[in-house]
Protein backbone atom coordinates (compact mmCIF):
# COMPACT_ATOMS: atom_id res chain seq x y z
CA MET A 1 88.48 81.69 84.75
CA PRO A 2 86.88 78.94 86.87
CA GLU A 3 84.44 80.09 89.53
CA PHE A 4 83.77 78.64 92.96
CA LYS A 5 80.85 76.22 92.96
CA PHE A 6 78.53 75.42 95.85
CA ASN A 7 77.49 71.81 95.33
CA LEU A 8 73.89 71.18 96.34
CA PRO A 9 73.20 67.43 96.14
CA ASN A 10 70.26 66.12 94.16
CA GLY A 11 67.29 65.07 96.25
CA ALA A 12 67.90 61.43 95.33
CA ASP A 13 71.38 61.61 96.90
CA LEU A 14 70.23 62.82 100.30
CA SER A 15 70.37 60.51 103.31
CA ARG A 16 67.37 59.45 105.37
CA SER A 17 68.43 61.69 108.24
CA GLN A 18 68.80 64.66 105.92
CA MET A 19 65.38 64.01 104.38
CA LYS A 20 63.89 63.68 107.85
CA ALA A 21 65.25 67.11 108.74
CA ILE A 22 64.15 68.67 105.45
CA ASN A 23 60.62 67.31 105.67
CA SER A 24 60.03 68.03 109.35
CA GLU A 25 57.03 70.30 109.83
CA ARG A 26 58.37 71.33 113.21
CA PRO A 27 61.17 73.83 113.87
CA ILE A 28 64.37 71.82 114.22
CA PHE A 29 67.67 71.93 116.02
CA LEU A 30 70.14 70.34 113.63
CA THR A 31 73.55 69.15 114.72
CA GLY A 32 76.32 67.04 113.26
CA VAL A 33 79.96 66.89 112.29
CA PRO A 34 81.46 68.99 109.48
CA GLY A 35 80.32 67.72 106.11
CA SER A 36 77.19 66.09 107.48
CA GLY A 37 74.90 68.34 105.45
CA LYS A 38 73.63 70.91 107.95
CA THR A 39 73.82 73.77 105.45
CA VAL A 40 72.41 71.56 102.69
CA VAL A 41 69.37 70.81 104.86
CA SER A 42 68.84 74.52 105.58
CA VAL A 43 69.03 75.38 101.87
CA TYR A 44 66.54 72.65 100.97
CA ARG A 45 64.16 73.69 103.74
CA ILE A 46 64.07 77.27 102.54
CA LYS A 47 63.81 76.25 98.87
CA GLU A 48 60.83 74.00 99.52
CA SER A 49 59.00 76.32 101.90
CA LYS A 50 55.85 77.91 100.48
CA ASN A 51 56.00 80.85 102.86
CA LYS A 52 58.16 83.89 103.50
CA THR A 53 61.36 82.48 104.92
CA ALA A 54 64.93 83.58 105.58
CA LEU A 55 68.24 81.78 105.93
CA PHE A 56 70.81 83.57 108.07
CA THR A 57 74.40 82.56 107.40
CA TYR A 58 77.33 83.26 109.68
CA GLY A 59 79.60 84.34 106.83
CA LYS A 60 79.20 86.57 103.81
CA LEU A 61 81.09 84.13 101.58
CA LEU A 62 78.62 81.33 102.28
CA ARG A 63 75.66 83.63 101.65
CA PHE A 64 77.08 84.64 98.30
CA ALA A 65 77.88 81.03 97.39
CA ILE A 66 74.37 79.72 97.99
CA GLU A 67 72.10 82.63 97.12
CA LYS A 68 71.97 81.64 93.45
CA THR A 69 70.44 78.30 94.41
CA VAL A 70 67.43 80.01 95.98
CA ALA A 71 65.96 82.28 93.32
CA ASP A 72 62.66 83.36 94.84
CA ASP A 73 61.42 86.76 96.02
CA THR A 74 59.78 85.15 99.05
CA LYS A 75 63.05 83.52 100.16
CA GLU A 76 65.77 85.68 101.66
CA ILE A 77 69.38 84.80 102.38
CA HIS A 78 71.24 87.18 104.66
CA ASN A 79 74.62 87.44 106.27
CA ILE A 80 73.33 87.75 109.80
CA HIS A 81 75.96 90.26 110.95
CA ARG A 82 75.10 92.81 108.26
CA TRP A 83 71.35 92.19 108.51
CA PHE A 84 71.33 92.66 112.28
CA TYR A 85 73.40 95.84 112.10
CA ASP A 86 71.22 97.31 109.35
CA THR A 87 68.13 96.54 111.45
CA THR A 88 69.28 97.60 114.92
CA GLY A 89 72.37 99.77 114.45
CA ILE A 90 74.30 97.43 116.72
CA TRP A 91 76.81 94.80 115.68
CA LEU A 92 75.72 91.31 116.61
CA SER A 93 78.81 90.64 118.70
CA ARG A 94 77.95 93.61 120.93
CA ILE A 95 74.41 92.76 121.97
CA ASN A 96 73.96 92.47 125.72
CA ASP A 97 71.41 93.02 128.47
CA ASN A 98 71.92 96.79 128.31
CA ASN A 99 70.89 97.14 124.65
CA TYR A 100 68.50 94.19 124.50
CA ASP A 101 65.36 96.35 124.71
CA HIS A 102 66.61 98.62 121.94
CA CYS A 103 67.34 95.64 119.68
CA GLN A 104 63.96 94.08 120.42
CA LYS A 105 62.15 97.33 119.60
CA SER A 106 64.11 97.75 116.36
CA LEU A 107 63.22 94.24 115.24
CA THR A 108 59.59 94.67 116.25
CA ASP A 109 59.29 98.01 114.43
CA LYS A 110 60.81 96.56 111.27
CA PHE A 111 58.26 93.79 111.04
CA LYS A 112 55.12 95.33 112.52
CA ASP A 113 53.96 96.73 109.17
CA GLU A 114 54.75 93.61 107.19
CA ASP A 115 54.29 89.92 107.67
CA LYS A 116 56.71 88.28 110.04
CA TYR A 117 58.97 85.62 108.64
CA ASN A 118 57.06 82.36 108.58
CA GLY A 119 60.35 80.58 109.01
CA ILE A 120 63.91 81.49 109.93
CA PHE A 121 66.90 79.18 109.59
CA VAL A 122 70.14 80.05 111.40
CA ASP A 123 73.36 78.38 110.26
CA GLU A 124 76.39 77.98 112.59
CA GLY A 125 74.29 78.68 115.68
CA GLN A 126 77.16 77.87 118.04
CA ASP A 127 78.85 81.15 117.05
CA PHE A 128 76.08 83.45 118.30
CA LYS A 129 75.36 84.67 121.80
CA PRO A 130 72.38 82.98 123.50
CA ILE A 131 70.62 86.35 123.83
CA PHE A 132 70.48 86.55 120.03
CA PHE A 133 68.10 83.60 119.84
CA LYS A 134 65.74 85.26 122.31
CA LEU A 135 65.53 88.22 119.94
CA LEU A 136 64.97 86.14 116.82
CA ASP A 137 62.25 84.17 118.53
CA LYS A 138 60.25 87.42 118.71
CA ILE A 139 60.14 87.67 114.90
CA THR A 140 58.87 84.20 114.13
CA GLY A 141 57.33 81.21 115.81
CA ASN A 142 59.24 78.97 113.42
CA LEU A 143 62.93 79.32 114.21
CA SER A 144 65.30 76.48 113.26
CA VAL A 145 68.98 76.34 114.17
CA SER A 146 71.99 74.27 113.14
CA ALA A 147 75.03 74.07 115.41
CA ASP A 148 78.09 72.02 116.35
CA ASP A 149 79.99 72.70 119.57
CA ALA A 150 83.23 71.37 118.07
CA GLN A 151 83.19 74.22 115.55
CA GLN A 152 82.59 77.00 118.08
CA VAL A 153 85.42 79.50 117.61
CA TYR A 154 84.38 82.16 120.15
CA ARG A 155 84.43 81.67 123.90
CA ASP A 156 81.37 83.72 124.83
CA ARG A 157 78.89 82.16 122.41
CA GLY A 158 76.05 79.71 122.92
CA THR A 159 76.56 76.00 123.34
CA GLU A 160 74.11 73.51 121.90
CA GLN A 161 72.65 73.00 125.37
CA GLN A 162 72.17 76.74 125.95
CA ILE A 163 70.40 77.17 122.62
CA LEU A 164 68.04 74.30 123.39
CA GLU A 165 67.28 75.76 126.83
CA ILE A 166 66.21 79.02 125.17
CA LEU A 167 64.31 77.22 122.39
CA PRO A 168 63.02 74.06 124.12
CA ASN A 169 60.40 73.32 121.47
CA LEU A 170 62.95 72.61 118.76
CA TYR A 171 62.96 69.06 117.43
CA LYS A 172 66.55 67.83 117.68
CA ILE A 173 67.98 65.88 114.75
CA GLU A 174 71.58 64.71 114.60
CA LEU A 175 73.34 64.01 111.30
CA THR A 176 75.92 61.33 112.03
CA GLU A 177 77.82 60.88 108.76
CA ASN A 178 80.50 62.95 107.06
CA TYR A 179 79.96 63.26 103.30
CA ARG A 180 82.77 65.76 102.63
CA ASN A 181 86.11 64.59 103.92
CA GLY A 182 88.03 61.52 102.95
CA TYR A 183 89.00 59.31 105.89
CA GLU A 184 92.65 60.44 105.83
CA ILE A 185 91.73 64.11 106.13
CA TYR A 186 89.12 63.73 108.84
CA ASN A 187 91.17 61.26 110.88
CA PHE A 188 93.85 63.94 111.07
CA ALA A 189 91.51 66.90 111.59
CA ARG A 190 89.59 65.37 114.50
CA GLN A 191 92.75 65.46 116.61
CA PHE A 192 92.38 69.22 116.91
CA VAL A 193 89.34 68.55 119.14
CA PRO A 194 90.29 65.33 120.95
CA ASN A 195 87.79 65.81 123.77
CA ASN A 196 84.69 66.25 121.61
CA PRO A 197 82.78 62.93 121.53
CA ARG A 198 80.88 63.62 118.31
CA ALA A 199 83.99 64.63 116.39
CA ASN A 200 85.73 61.43 117.49
CA ASP A 201 82.81 59.03 117.14
CA LYS A 202 84.20 55.59 116.24
CA ASN A 203 81.18 54.54 114.18
CA MET A 204 81.41 57.63 112.01
CA LEU A 205 85.14 57.11 111.52
CA GLU A 206 84.63 53.48 110.54
CA LYS A 207 82.01 54.45 107.97
CA LEU A 208 84.40 57.01 106.50
CA LYS A 209 87.08 54.35 106.27
CA GLN A 210 84.74 51.88 104.57
CA ASN A 211 83.55 54.47 102.06
CA GLN A 212 87.10 54.62 100.66
CA LYS A 213 86.53 58.16 99.46
CA ASN A 214 89.57 59.28 97.53
CA SER A 215 91.67 61.69 99.58
CA ASP A 216 95.37 62.19 100.23
CA ILE A 217 97.01 61.94 103.61
CA PRO A 218 97.51 65.52 104.90
CA THR A 219 100.94 66.94 104.14
CA ILE A 220 102.85 69.21 106.52
CA TYR A 221 105.67 71.29 105.06
CA VAL A 222 108.31 72.77 107.35
CA GLU A 223 109.85 75.65 105.40
CA ASN A 224 112.93 77.74 106.11
CA GLU A 225 111.28 81.15 105.71
CA LEU A 226 108.07 82.88 104.67
CA ASN A 227 109.11 83.25 101.03
CA ASP A 228 109.50 79.48 100.75
CA THR A 229 105.86 79.01 101.70
CA PHE A 230 104.87 81.36 98.88
CA ASP A 231 106.69 79.07 96.44
CA THR A 232 104.95 76.01 97.86
CA VAL A 233 101.55 77.65 97.48
CA ALA A 234 102.37 78.65 93.90
CA ASN A 235 103.36 75.07 93.05
CA ILE A 236 100.17 73.64 94.55
CA LEU A 237 98.05 76.08 92.55
CA LYS A 238 100.00 75.32 89.37
CA ASP A 239 99.43 71.58 89.76
CA ASN A 240 95.70 71.89 90.53
CA LYS A 241 94.20 74.31 88.04
CA GLY A 242 90.40 74.37 87.90
CA TYR A 243 89.82 72.98 91.39
CA ASN A 244 88.11 74.80 94.27
CA ILE A 245 91.01 75.80 96.51
CA GLY A 246 90.88 77.53 99.88
CA ILE A 247 93.94 79.28 101.30
CA LEU A 248 92.79 79.61 104.90
CA CYS A 249 94.67 81.75 107.40
CA ASP A 250 94.45 82.39 111.12
CA ASN A 251 94.24 86.18 110.78
CA ILE A 252 93.49 88.98 108.32
CA LEU A 253 97.12 90.13 107.99
CA SER A 254 98.13 86.69 106.74
CA VAL A 255 95.27 86.73 104.22
CA GLU A 256 96.55 90.01 102.83
CA THR A 257 100.17 88.78 102.82
CA TYR A 258 99.45 85.63 100.83
CA ALA A 259 97.05 87.40 98.50
CA LYS A 260 99.90 89.64 97.32
CA LYS A 261 102.08 86.65 96.48
CA ILE A 262 99.69 84.64 94.31
CA PRO A 263 101.02 84.46 90.72
CA ASP A 264 99.17 86.77 88.32
CA GLU A 265 97.95 83.84 86.23
CA HIS A 266 95.51 82.90 89.01
CA GLU A 267 92.36 84.92 89.70
CA THR A 268 91.36 84.86 93.34
CA THR A 269 88.66 86.04 95.71
CA ILE A 270 90.14 87.73 98.77
CA TYR A 271 87.89 88.17 101.78
CA THR A 272 88.94 89.83 105.01
CA SER A 273 85.93 91.68 106.38
CA GLU A 274 82.25 92.46 106.03
CA ASN A 275 83.18 95.56 104.06
CA ASN A 276 84.61 93.54 101.17
CA GLN A 277 82.51 93.84 98.02
CA ILE A 278 81.96 90.44 96.39
CA ASN A 279 80.85 90.36 92.77
CA ASN A 280 81.67 86.74 92.11
CA LEU A 281 83.63 83.92 93.72
CA GLN A 282 86.72 82.65 91.94
CA ASN A 283 87.70 79.02 92.45
CA ILE A 284 90.65 80.16 94.60
CA ILE A 285 89.51 81.86 97.81
CA ILE A 286 91.88 83.41 100.35
CA THR A 287 90.28 84.11 103.71
CA THR A 288 90.34 83.26 107.42
CA PHE A 289 89.22 80.05 109.06
CA LYS A 290 86.20 81.83 110.51
CA SER A 291 85.08 83.35 107.22
CA ALA A 292 85.34 79.96 105.49
CA LYS A 293 82.69 78.43 107.74
CA GLY A 294 80.09 76.46 105.79
CA LEU A 295 82.23 76.27 102.65
CA GLU A 296 84.06 73.30 101.24
CA PHE A 297 87.01 73.04 98.87
CA ASP A 298 88.70 70.30 96.90
CA ILE A 299 92.01 71.47 98.33
CA VAL A 300 92.81 73.46 101.47
CA ILE A 301 96.13 75.17 102.19
CA MET A 302 96.74 76.37 105.77
CA PRO A 303 99.81 78.64 106.22
CA HIS A 304 101.58 79.44 109.51
CA PHE A 305 100.83 76.04 111.02
CA GLN A 306 103.55 76.71 113.61
CA ARG A 307 101.09 79.07 115.32
CA LEU A 308 98.69 76.28 116.27
CA ASN A 309 97.89 76.14 119.99
CA GLU A 310 95.15 74.57 122.05
CA GLU A 311 93.33 77.88 122.53
CA HIS A 312 92.70 78.18 118.78
CA ALA A 313 92.60 74.48 117.90
CA LYS A 314 88.90 74.59 116.97
CA GLU A 315 89.69 77.12 114.24
CA TYR A 316 92.17 74.66 112.74
CA TYR A 317 89.53 71.93 113.00
CA VAL A 318 87.15 74.17 111.04
CA GLY A 319 89.84 74.94 108.46
CA ALA A 320 91.01 71.37 107.96
CA THR A 321 87.49 69.98 107.61
CA ARG A 322 86.82 72.30 104.66
CA ALA A 323 89.03 69.98 102.55
CA LYS A 324 87.52 67.22 100.44
CA SER A 325 90.56 65.69 98.74
CA SER A 326 93.84 67.32 99.82
CA LEU A 327 95.09 69.24 102.86
CA TYR A 328 98.40 71.08 103.05
CA LEU A 329 99.74 72.72 106.21
CA LEU A 330 102.73 75.06 105.98
CA ALA A 331 104.98 75.75 108.97
CA ILE A 332 108.02 78.02 109.17
CA LYS A 333 111.16 76.66 110.91
CA LYS A 334 109.29 74.76 113.61
CA LEU A 335 106.24 72.63 114.29
CA PRO A 336 103.54 73.41 116.87
CA GLU A 337 103.85 71.63 120.21
CA MET A 338 100.30 70.32 119.87
CA LEU A 339 101.41 68.17 116.94
CA GLU A 340 103.38 66.00 119.39
CA LYS A 341 100.05 64.73 120.76
CA MET A 342 98.81 63.74 117.31
CA ASP A 343 99.25 60.37 115.63
CA LYS A 344 102.31 60.52 113.35
CA ASN A 345 100.66 58.03 111.01
CA THR A 346 97.88 60.51 110.17
CA TYR A 347 100.08 62.97 108.27
CA GLU A 348 103.13 63.15 106.02
CA LEU A 349 105.93 65.43 107.15
CA LYS A 350 108.14 67.14 104.57
CA LYS A 351 111.01 69.09 106.06
CA VAL A 352 112.58 71.40 103.52
CA LEU A 353 114.78 73.37 105.90
CA LYS A 354 118.09 74.54 104.48
């Protein structure tokens, strides 16, 4: 069966801004819209480093997807949540001023008898607490971070400005182009974060439009009941065999529900928590918006679209911008109120209510 593929561009296909970030001898703070190549830059930086370096990913799926591209004993790729817990005994989301000293001592003890990392690269920096970067800075003098405020899906995490205040020596580089999404997909997705200037940059949108990258206008299905959405998913999978497909849900229960309804002819990877054992990634992945961070798919299917609200709109922005060619959103009986604020010309509505 087809497996999920992480596409690392050839060096000749990288942009000037990406090459500037890759070749920088200074620690960098890398920002940019989804699909601008932040993860690609981090992978290239660790691949080309001659020293002991580590790339910390937010999600386990992304770590698994890219670790085969960095085959070197001196290069480490970790899911930061598991790595931090194994090192300190505390989950990353629970670090605070009360356990800061314990975490710092644990990190110091781990590395006192061996060389410190000569370089650390943190992906999805906007989803970590500011205090976390203070701790990492103790391990290495070469800490680089990538982040995008528009993709921050937790309220109590660090903004770009907060990270830069903690790490003022980072050289800031902004990647301004989107190489993943077709214009139709991104022009729809950006409306989930209407107040973010970078996500709605007119120059970037115009470049996407001029590139004429082949993508379909997003399709929203309004179904009569849950079982109807299962049929729609089955039909999409049947018509798109061999493609990387993400079925991205807003919670773990929905992941488990849809996983049970996938026809047996399709092999899937189901990911709900850090405890899931991953041996390989199938080309069809069922997971949450948050766990899909950093990944990209030819096709994205987003069930339970009726649940969209402004509080969780950034998660839908993350989910929608995983799609390269096609985006399908499935609602049951009704549409979310937030859709009323979105341009009706940016999506196709298919009501199949009985």
